[in-house]
N, C-alpha and C. Protein backbone atom coordinates (compact mmCIF):
# COMPACT_ATOMS: atom_id res chain seq x y z
N UNK A 1 0.68 -1.15 -0.23
CA UNK A 1 0.13 0.21 0.08
C UNK A 1 0.90 1.23 -0.20
N UNK A 2 1.92 1.37 1.21
CA UNK A 2 2.73 2.50 1.01
C UNK A 2 3.53 2.52 -0.15
N UNK A 3 3.91 1.65 -0.74
CA UNK A 3 4.69 1.59 -2.19
C UNK A 3 3.73 2.34 -3.20
N UNK A 4 2.62 1.91 -3.38
CA UNK A 4 1.55 2.34 -4.50
C UNK A 4 1.18 3.83 -4.32
N UNK A 5 1.35 4.37 -2.88
CA UNK A 5 1.21 5.82 -2.52
C UNK A 5 2.21 6.47 -2.89
N UNK A 6 3.69 6.20 -2.69
CA UNK A 6 4.77 6.75 -2.92
C UNK A 6 4.79 6.91 -4.52
N UNK A 7 4.61 5.71 -5.33
CA UNK A 7 4.47 5.59 -6.85
C UNK A 7 3.50 6.85 -7.25
N UNK A 8 2.44 6.86 -6.96
CA UNK A 8 1.42 7.74 -7.17
C UNK A 8 2.00 9.09 -7.15
N UNK A 9 2.49 9.39 -5.92
CA UNK A 9 2.87 10.53 -5.54
C UNK A 9 4.34 10.99 -6.32
N UNK A 10 4.82 10.09 -6.68
CA UNK A 10 6.25 10.56 -7.57
C UNK A 10 5.85 11.07 -8.54
N UNK A 11 4.83 10.29 -9.36
CA UNK A 11 4.26 10.53 -10.58
C UNK A 11 3.56 11.80 -10.60
N UNK A 12 2.80 12.29 -9.60
CA UNK A 12 2.12 13.60 -9.50
C UNK A 12 3.18 14.97 -9.41
N UNK A 13 4.32 14.55 -8.57
CA UNK A 13 5.40 15.25 -8.71
C UNK A 13 5.96 15.82 -10.10
N UNK A 14 6.35 14.59 -10.62
CA UNK A 14 6.88 14.79 -11.99
C UNK A 14 6.21 15.76 -12.70
N UNK A 15 4.76 15.82 -12.57
CA UNK A 15 3.85 16.45 -13.55
C UNK A 15 3.60 18.02 -12.79
N UNK A 16 3.86 18.15 -11.61
CA UNK A 16 3.71 19.44 -10.91
C UNK A 16 4.81 20.53 -11.25
N UNK A 17 4.48 21.77 -11.38
CA UNK A 17 5.57 22.70 -11.78
C UNK A 17 5.96 23.39 -10.48
N UNK A 18 5.24 23.52 -9.44
CA UNK A 18 5.62 24.29 -8.30
C UNK A 18 6.10 23.33 -7.27
N UNK A 19 7.48 23.50 -6.89
CA UNK A 19 8.20 22.84 -6.14
C UNK A 19 9.00 23.51 -5.03
N UNK A 20 9.02 23.01 -3.90
CA UNK A 20 9.91 23.73 -2.58
C UNK A 20 11.33 23.60 -2.78
N UNK A 21 11.98 24.32 -2.25
CA UNK A 21 13.47 24.22 -2.16
C UNK A 21 13.95 23.34 -0.93
N UNK A 22 14.97 22.68 -1.24
CA UNK A 22 15.51 21.94 -0.04
C UNK A 22 16.00 22.89 1.04
N UNK A 23 16.62 22.40 2.06
CA UNK A 23 17.07 22.91 3.31
C UNK A 23 18.54 23.47 2.87
N UNK A 24 19.03 24.57 3.33
CA UNK A 24 20.26 24.90 3.07
C UNK A 24 21.29 24.02 3.94
N UNK A 25 22.66 23.98 3.57
CA UNK A 25 23.47 23.11 4.48
C UNK A 25 23.58 23.96 5.63
N UNK A 26 23.25 23.22 6.96
CA UNK A 26 23.45 23.95 8.12
C UNK A 26 24.36 23.73 9.13
N UNK A 27 25.15 24.21 9.78
CA UNK A 27 26.21 23.72 10.47
C UNK A 27 25.75 22.74 11.44
N UNK A 28 26.62 21.77 12.10
CA UNK A 28 26.31 20.99 13.42
C UNK A 28 26.70 21.71 14.57
N UNK A 29 25.67 22.10 15.17
CA UNK A 29 25.76 22.88 16.62
C UNK A 29 25.40 22.17 17.86
N UNK A 30 26.40 21.92 18.62
CA UNK A 30 25.93 21.60 20.01
C UNK A 30 24.61 22.29 20.42
N UNK A 31 23.46 21.88 20.68
CA UNK A 31 22.39 22.51 21.29
C UNK A 31 22.69 22.61 22.68
N UNK A 32 22.13 23.85 23.45
CA UNK A 32 22.26 24.02 24.68
C UNK A 32 21.43 22.81 25.44
N UNK A 33 20.74 22.02 24.71
CA UNK A 33 19.82 20.96 25.55
C UNK A 33 20.10 19.90 24.63
N UNK A 34 21.11 19.16 24.76
CA UNK A 34 21.25 18.08 23.94
C UNK A 34 20.28 16.90 24.32
N UNK A 35 19.85 16.78 25.39
CA UNK A 35 18.85 15.95 25.63
C UNK A 35 17.74 15.93 25.11
N UNK A 36 17.34 17.35 24.39
CA UNK A 36 16.15 17.52 23.30
C UNK A 36 16.34 16.76 22.11
N UNK A 37 17.49 16.47 21.49
CA UNK A 37 18.10 15.93 20.28
C UNK A 37 17.70 14.55 20.15
N UNK A 38 17.31 14.20 19.01
CA UNK A 38 16.81 12.73 18.71
C UNK A 38 17.86 11.82 18.34
N UNK A 39 18.04 10.50 18.80
CA UNK A 39 18.83 9.48 17.90
C UNK A 39 18.25 8.87 16.89
N UNK A 40 16.95 8.69 16.81
CA UNK A 40 16.33 8.37 15.45
C UNK A 40 15.45 9.25 15.26
N UNK A 41 15.38 9.68 13.79
CA UNK A 41 14.58 10.76 13.12
C UNK A 41 13.46 10.21 12.40
N UNK A 42 12.17 10.50 12.77
CA UNK A 42 11.01 10.10 11.65
C UNK A 42 11.17 11.76 10.81
N UNK A 43 11.51 11.51 9.69
CA UNK A 43 11.93 12.78 8.92
C UNK A 43 10.72 13.58 8.83
N UNK A 44 9.32 13.24 8.89
CA UNK A 44 8.10 14.14 9.03
C UNK A 44 8.04 14.67 10.18
N UNK A 45 8.56 14.59 11.26
CA UNK A 45 8.08 14.77 12.84
C UNK A 45 8.88 16.23 12.62
N UNK A 46 7.74 17.29 13.10
CA UNK A 46 8.51 18.45 13.14
C UNK A 46 9.52 18.57 14.15
N UNK A 47 9.93 17.80 15.14
CA UNK A 47 10.77 17.94 16.02
C UNK A 47 12.20 17.39 15.49
N UNK A 48 12.19 16.79 14.20
CA UNK A 48 13.27 16.30 13.44
C UNK A 48 14.15 17.33 12.68
N UNK A 49 13.10 18.61 12.39
CA UNK A 49 13.75 19.21 11.58
C UNK A 49 14.92 20.13 11.85
N UNK A 50 15.47 20.39 13.23
CA UNK A 50 16.67 21.09 13.41
C UNK A 50 17.69 20.37 13.18
N UNK A 51 17.52 19.09 13.04
CA UNK A 51 18.74 17.95 12.82
C UNK A 51 18.88 17.78 11.42
N UNK A 52 18.01 17.88 10.37
CA UNK A 52 18.00 17.59 9.11
C UNK A 52 19.13 18.80 8.53
N UNK A 53 20.25 18.77 8.37
CA UNK A 53 21.21 19.69 8.08
C UNK A 53 21.23 20.15 6.66
N UNK A 54 20.94 19.12 5.61
CA UNK A 54 21.29 19.53 4.16
C UNK A 54 20.74 18.51 3.26
N UNK A 55 20.07 19.01 2.05
CA UNK A 55 19.53 18.15 1.14
C UNK A 55 18.16 17.56 1.64
N UNK A 56 17.37 18.25 2.19
CA UNK A 56 15.97 17.77 2.44
C UNK A 56 14.91 18.73 1.95
N UNK A 57 14.19 18.04 1.33
CA UNK A 57 12.88 18.51 0.67
C UNK A 57 11.85 18.52 1.76
N UNK A 58 10.61 19.32 1.48
CA UNK A 58 9.65 19.36 2.52
C UNK A 58 8.80 17.88 2.63
N UNK A 59 8.33 17.73 3.81
CA UNK A 59 7.46 16.66 4.16
C UNK A 59 6.18 16.49 2.95
N UNK A 60 6.16 15.19 2.69
CA UNK A 60 4.94 14.92 1.56
C UNK A 60 4.34 13.64 2.26
N UNK A 61 3.19 13.70 2.15
CA UNK A 61 2.20 12.88 2.51
C UNK A 61 1.95 12.72 4.09
N UNK A 62 2.53 13.65 4.66
CA UNK A 62 2.55 13.54 6.38
C UNK A 62 3.53 12.61 6.76
N UNK A 63 4.55 11.94 5.85
CA UNK A 63 5.26 10.74 6.30
C UNK A 63 6.64 10.52 5.68
N UNK A 64 6.82 11.33 4.72
CA UNK A 64 8.38 11.15 4.14
C UNK A 64 8.77 12.35 3.70
N UNK A 65 10.21 12.60 3.10
CA UNK A 65 10.75 13.52 2.31
C UNK A 65 11.61 13.25 1.18
N UNK A 66 11.57 13.92 0.19
CA UNK A 66 12.47 13.42 -0.76
C UNK A 66 14.11 13.99 -0.42
N UNK A 67 15.16 13.47 -0.50
CA UNK A 67 16.51 14.18 -0.52
C UNK A 67 16.88 14.54 -1.81
N UNK A 68 18.21 15.28 -1.74
CA UNK A 68 18.94 15.41 -3.01
C UNK A 68 20.06 14.48 -3.16
N UNK A 69 20.80 14.50 -4.03
CA UNK A 69 22.08 13.50 -4.04
C UNK A 69 22.82 13.54 -2.85
N UNK A 70 22.93 14.50 -2.15
CA UNK A 70 24.02 14.78 -0.95
C UNK A 70 22.92 15.37 0.15
N UNK A 71 22.98 14.59 1.27
CA UNK A 71 22.05 15.12 2.34
C UNK A 71 22.78 14.66 3.55
N UNK A 72 22.26 15.41 4.87
CA UNK A 72 22.94 15.21 5.99
C UNK A 72 22.01 15.32 7.31
N UNK A 73 22.32 14.54 8.29
CA UNK A 73 21.54 14.50 9.48
C UNK A 73 22.45 14.85 10.88
N UNK A 74 22.09 15.59 11.88
CA UNK A 74 22.55 15.04 13.33
C UNK A 74 21.76 14.27 13.99
N UNK A 75 22.55 13.55 14.72
CA UNK A 75 21.86 12.41 15.48
C UNK A 75 22.49 12.52 16.92
N UNK A 76 21.89 12.36 18.02
CA UNK A 76 22.07 12.28 19.37
C UNK A 76 23.32 10.80 19.47
N UNK A 77 24.28 11.25 19.79
CA UNK A 77 25.40 10.05 19.90
C UNK A 77 24.86 9.10 20.94
N UNK A 78 25.48 8.01 20.84
CA UNK A 78 25.07 6.91 22.09
C UNK A 78 26.05 7.14 23.07
N UNK A 79 25.83 6.28 24.07
CA UNK A 79 26.90 6.37 25.14
C UNK A 79 28.17 5.92 24.78
N UNK A 80 29.20 6.61 25.71
CA UNK A 80 30.50 6.83 25.16
C UNK A 80 31.03 5.32 24.80
N UNK A 81 31.71 4.84 24.02
CA UNK A 81 32.16 3.64 24.07
C UNK A 81 31.67 2.31 23.42
N UNK A 82 30.53 2.88 22.90
CA UNK A 82 29.50 1.73 22.45
C UNK A 82 29.28 1.70 21.03
N UNK A 83 29.81 0.52 20.20
CA UNK A 83 29.47 0.56 18.83
C UNK A 83 27.87 0.75 18.69
N UNK A 84 27.76 1.19 17.38
CA UNK A 84 26.23 1.75 17.45
C UNK A 84 25.93 1.37 15.78
N UNK A 85 24.73 1.23 15.64
CA UNK A 85 24.51 0.83 14.15
C UNK A 85 23.65 2.10 13.49
N UNK A 86 24.01 2.57 12.42
CA UNK A 86 23.18 3.21 11.74
C UNK A 86 22.28 2.97 10.97
N UNK A 87 20.93 3.17 10.92
CA UNK A 87 20.00 2.70 9.81
C UNK A 87 19.41 3.85 9.27
N UNK A 88 19.31 3.73 7.93
CA UNK A 88 18.30 4.73 7.09
C UNK A 88 17.30 3.95 6.38
N UNK A 89 16.14 4.14 6.38
CA UNK A 89 15.10 3.60 5.71
C UNK A 89 14.53 4.37 4.83
N UNK A 90 14.38 3.85 3.64
CA UNK A 90 14.02 4.90 2.35
C UNK A 90 13.26 3.86 1.27
N UNK A 91 12.87 4.58 0.40
CA UNK A 91 12.25 3.90 -0.60
C UNK A 91 12.65 4.50 -1.96
N UNK A 92 12.83 3.56 -2.96
CA UNK A 92 13.32 3.95 -4.47
C UNK A 92 11.89 3.66 -5.16
N UNK A 93 11.28 4.73 -5.81
CA UNK A 93 10.24 4.51 -6.31
C UNK A 93 10.48 3.82 -7.80
N UNK A 94 9.76 3.17 -8.34
CA UNK A 94 10.08 2.18 -9.70
C UNK A 94 10.31 3.41 -10.56
N UNK A 95 9.57 4.38 -11.02
CA UNK A 95 10.07 5.28 -12.00
C UNK A 95 11.41 5.98 -11.79
N UNK A 96 11.78 6.22 -10.74
CA UNK A 96 13.29 6.60 -10.39
C UNK A 96 14.18 5.62 -10.94
N UNK A 97 13.85 4.44 -10.37
CA UNK A 97 14.76 3.28 -10.77
C UNK A 97 15.02 3.15 -12.14
N UNK A 98 13.58 2.97 -12.83
CA UNK A 98 13.62 2.98 -14.43
C UNK A 98 14.63 3.72 -15.05
N UNK A 99 14.51 5.35 -14.65
CA UNK A 99 15.45 6.14 -15.15
C UNK A 99 16.89 6.08 -15.06
N UNK A 100 17.02 5.71 -13.54
CA UNK A 100 18.71 5.62 -13.05
C UNK A 100 19.14 4.27 -12.97
N UNK A 101 18.62 3.23 -13.23
CA UNK A 101 18.92 1.94 -13.31
C UNK A 101 19.45 1.25 -11.95
N UNK A 102 20.18 1.99 -11.28
CA UNK A 102 20.66 1.59 -9.91
C UNK A 102 21.17 2.99 -9.19
N UNK A 103 21.03 2.70 -8.02
CA UNK A 103 21.51 3.83 -7.16
C UNK A 103 22.50 3.34 -5.83
N UNK A 104 23.56 4.09 -5.81
CA UNK A 104 24.67 3.51 -4.82
C UNK A 104 24.67 4.61 -3.78
N UNK A 105 24.57 4.42 -2.39
CA UNK A 105 24.28 5.17 -1.55
C UNK A 105 25.46 4.96 -0.28
N UNK A 106 26.41 6.07 -0.10
CA UNK A 106 27.37 5.84 0.88
C UNK A 106 26.95 6.90 1.91
N UNK A 107 27.44 6.76 3.03
CA UNK A 107 27.37 7.66 4.22
C UNK A 107 28.82 7.54 4.92
N UNK A 108 29.23 9.06 5.38
CA UNK A 108 30.46 9.04 6.38
C UNK A 108 30.04 9.77 7.56
N UNK A 109 30.89 9.31 8.48
CA UNK A 109 31.01 10.18 9.89
C UNK A 109 31.98 10.72 10.16
N UNK A 110 32.31 12.05 10.50
CA UNK A 110 33.72 12.68 10.68
C UNK A 110 34.60 12.35 9.66
N UNK A 111 34.12 12.38 8.29
CA UNK A 111 35.19 12.22 7.21
C UNK A 111 35.19 10.67 6.75
N UNK A 112 34.86 9.52 7.72
CA UNK A 112 35.01 8.33 7.91
C UNK A 112 34.09 7.51 6.85
N UNK A 113 34.08 7.03 5.61
CA UNK A 113 33.35 6.13 4.87
C UNK A 113 32.81 5.16 5.84
N UNK A 114 31.57 4.87 5.65
CA UNK A 114 30.85 3.80 6.40
C UNK A 114 30.91 2.69 5.48
N UNK A 115 30.84 2.85 4.07
CA UNK A 115 31.04 1.77 3.16
C UNK A 115 29.66 1.77 2.09
N UNK A 116 29.84 2.10 0.69
CA UNK A 116 28.78 2.04 -0.07
C UNK A 116 27.86 0.77 0.12
N UNK A 117 26.66 1.10 -0.90
CA UNK A 117 25.94 -0.19 -0.86
C UNK A 117 24.80 0.17 -2.36
N UNK A 118 24.88 -0.55 -3.29
CA UNK A 118 24.14 -0.37 -4.27
C UNK A 118 22.70 -0.97 -4.36
N UNK A 119 21.78 -0.34 -5.09
CA UNK A 119 20.65 -0.90 -4.75
C UNK A 119 19.82 -0.94 -6.37
N UNK A 120 19.32 -2.14 -6.67
CA UNK A 120 18.99 -2.35 -8.01
C UNK A 120 17.67 -2.62 -8.09
N UNK A 121 16.91 -2.57 -6.77
CA UNK A 121 15.39 -3.18 -7.01
C UNK A 121 14.54 -1.69 -6.54
N UNK A 122 13.42 -1.45 -7.03
CA UNK A 122 12.73 -0.55 -6.20
C UNK A 122 11.92 -0.89 -5.15
N UNK A 123 11.45 0.02 -4.30
CA UNK A 123 10.88 -0.45 -3.16
C UNK A 123 11.44 0.20 -1.74
N UNK A 124 11.07 -0.50 -0.90
CA UNK A 124 11.40 -0.08 0.55
C UNK A 124 13.07 -0.91 0.75
N UNK A 125 13.74 0.09 1.04
CA UNK A 125 15.07 -0.16 1.34
C UNK A 125 15.68 0.09 2.85
N UNK A 126 16.92 -0.38 3.34
CA UNK A 126 17.32 -0.28 4.34
C UNK A 126 18.99 -0.31 4.09
N UNK A 127 19.66 1.06 4.58
CA UNK A 127 21.15 1.15 4.73
C UNK A 127 21.48 1.22 6.23
N UNK A 128 22.33 -0.01 6.52
CA UNK A 128 22.78 -0.08 7.69
C UNK A 128 24.13 -0.26 7.83
N UNK A 129 24.63 0.39 8.75
CA UNK A 129 26.14 0.33 8.92
C UNK A 129 26.59 0.41 10.35
N UNK A 130 27.71 -0.20 10.99
CA UNK A 130 28.18 0.20 12.19
C UNK A 130 29.01 1.07 12.13
N UNK A 131 28.85 1.89 13.25
CA UNK A 131 29.73 3.00 13.47
C UNK A 131 30.44 2.90 14.73
N UNK A 132 31.91 2.82 14.63
CA UNK A 132 32.86 2.73 15.59
C UNK A 132 32.78 3.58 16.66
N UNK A 133 32.94 3.40 17.86
CA UNK A 133 33.15 4.17 18.86
C UNK A 133 33.87 5.66 18.89
N UNK A 134 35.14 5.24 18.19
CA UNK A 134 36.11 6.62 17.89
C UNK A 134 35.06 7.57 17.01
N UNK A 135 34.31 7.11 16.06
CA UNK A 135 33.39 8.26 15.25
C UNK A 135 32.20 8.64 15.83
N UNK A 136 31.94 8.27 17.06
CA UNK A 136 30.59 8.53 17.68
C UNK A 136 30.88 9.35 19.12
N UNK A 137 31.71 10.42 18.88
CA UNK A 137 32.13 11.18 20.25
C UNK A 137 31.42 12.26 20.13
N UNK A 138 31.14 12.98 21.37
CA UNK A 138 30.26 14.02 21.55
C UNK A 138 28.90 13.96 21.59
N UNK A 139 28.13 15.07 21.86
CA UNK A 139 26.78 14.96 21.92
C UNK A 139 26.14 14.43 20.65
N UNK A 140 26.62 15.06 19.33
CA UNK A 140 25.87 14.83 18.41
C UNK A 140 26.91 14.28 17.32
N UNK A 141 26.31 13.40 16.30
CA UNK A 141 27.34 12.81 15.13
C UNK A 141 26.53 13.48 13.83
N UNK A 142 27.36 13.91 13.34
CA UNK A 142 26.99 14.36 11.91
C UNK A 142 27.02 13.32 10.71
N UNK A 143 26.07 12.98 10.17
CA UNK A 143 26.14 11.87 9.24
C UNK A 143 25.80 12.40 7.63
N UNK A 144 26.83 12.07 6.96
CA UNK A 144 26.75 12.82 5.37
C UNK A 144 26.50 11.55 4.65
N UNK A 145 25.27 11.57 3.76
CA UNK A 145 24.99 10.41 2.89
C UNK A 145 25.21 11.19 1.39
N UNK A 146 25.41 10.43 0.48
CA UNK A 146 25.82 10.62 -0.70
C UNK A 146 25.41 9.56 -1.81
N UNK A 147 24.35 10.02 -2.80
CA UNK A 147 24.03 9.26 -3.59
C UNK A 147 24.92 9.42 -4.94
N UNK A 148 25.18 8.21 -5.66
CA UNK A 148 25.94 8.40 -6.83
C UNK A 148 25.28 8.97 -8.02
N UNK A 149 23.77 8.88 -7.71
CA UNK A 149 23.16 9.97 -8.89
C UNK A 149 21.75 10.26 -8.16
N UNK A 150 21.16 11.03 -9.08
CA UNK A 150 19.83 11.53 -8.58
C UNK A 150 19.18 12.18 -10.07
N UNK A 151 17.96 12.41 -9.75
CA UNK A 151 17.33 13.00 -10.98
C UNK A 151 17.55 14.57 -10.85
N UNK A 152 17.95 15.09 -12.13
CA UNK A 152 18.01 16.62 -11.88
C UNK A 152 16.94 17.44 -12.10
N UNK A 153 16.98 18.73 -11.63
CA UNK A 153 15.52 19.41 -11.93
C UNK A 153 15.27 19.44 -13.46
N UNK A 154 14.16 19.53 -13.76
CA UNK A 154 13.76 19.87 -14.94
C UNK A 154 12.37 20.74 -15.00
N UNK A 155 11.90 20.83 -16.26
CA UNK A 155 10.71 21.76 -16.34
C UNK A 155 9.33 21.16 -15.59
N UNK A 156 9.39 19.90 -15.14
CA UNK A 156 8.05 19.35 -14.41
C UNK A 156 8.51 19.36 -13.11
N UNK A 157 9.86 19.29 -12.55
CA UNK A 157 10.01 19.16 -11.23
C UNK A 157 11.47 20.02 -10.68
N UNK A 158 11.43 21.57 -10.13
CA UNK A 158 12.67 21.98 -10.18
C UNK A 158 13.26 21.60 -9.12
N UNK A 159 13.37 20.44 -8.48
CA UNK A 159 14.07 19.93 -7.30
C UNK A 159 14.93 18.74 -7.91
N UNK A 160 16.25 18.63 -7.40
CA UNK A 160 17.20 17.36 -7.59
C UNK A 160 16.26 16.15 -6.85
N UNK A 161 16.27 15.05 -7.32
CA UNK A 161 15.43 14.31 -6.51
C UNK A 161 16.27 12.89 -6.15
N UNK A 162 16.53 12.67 -5.23
CA UNK A 162 17.50 11.30 -4.78
C UNK A 162 16.78 10.21 -4.39
N UNK A 163 16.34 10.05 -3.00
CA UNK A 163 15.67 8.98 -2.57
C UNK A 163 14.55 9.60 -1.61
N UNK A 164 13.44 8.68 -1.41
CA UNK A 164 12.48 8.81 -0.48
C UNK A 164 12.50 8.28 0.89
N UNK A 165 12.89 9.53 2.07
CA UNK A 165 13.60 8.62 3.18
C UNK A 165 12.28 9.07 4.38
N UNK A 166 12.11 7.77 4.89
CA UNK A 166 10.98 7.61 5.98
C UNK A 166 11.73 8.05 7.47
N UNK A 167 12.90 7.51 7.54
CA UNK A 167 13.49 7.53 9.00
C UNK A 167 15.05 7.28 8.99
N UNK A 168 15.92 7.95 9.88
CA UNK A 168 17.31 7.79 10.23
C UNK A 168 17.66 7.62 11.30
N UNK A 169 18.19 6.75 12.01
CA UNK A 169 18.81 6.72 13.47
C UNK A 169 19.81 5.80 13.73
N UNK A 170 19.93 5.99 14.83
CA UNK A 170 21.00 4.94 15.51
C UNK A 170 20.76 3.88 16.63
N UNK A 171 20.83 2.55 16.65
CA UNK A 171 20.49 1.57 17.21
C UNK A 171 21.41 1.32 18.36
């Protein structure tokens, strides 16, 4: 059901002329109240907005956001010295995959690559990687994501379209 909704919205977006711009690249700043920061973000939740640093489009259908080719988040760090799993849950709509053929996603923390993964099938996807304790220091962790390709803006949609993200977090 969710996949059908995402496909329908994708097609509507391609046919629409008015589009919102993504967020600008925002610096990672330690909040005065780090306890208010989240370690898992449901990207449609208004509380997640301060932690969406760059490359995010507006919420759609009240549950997800498109990304650009490059996007970043800040996540509340786990307790010191504990290995942590990063998990990005996203969707690759079939029309997007039909145009791009495959998508490779990589993430990095403090400039250290977590390793790429290539996706050749449309639908629900999960990117999971372990973050070493050395990379997870401080109150917040900046995670930069990079896709090898995305749909460029065109006359139907003025946004660069990467993938459809529902959540990102640390376990």
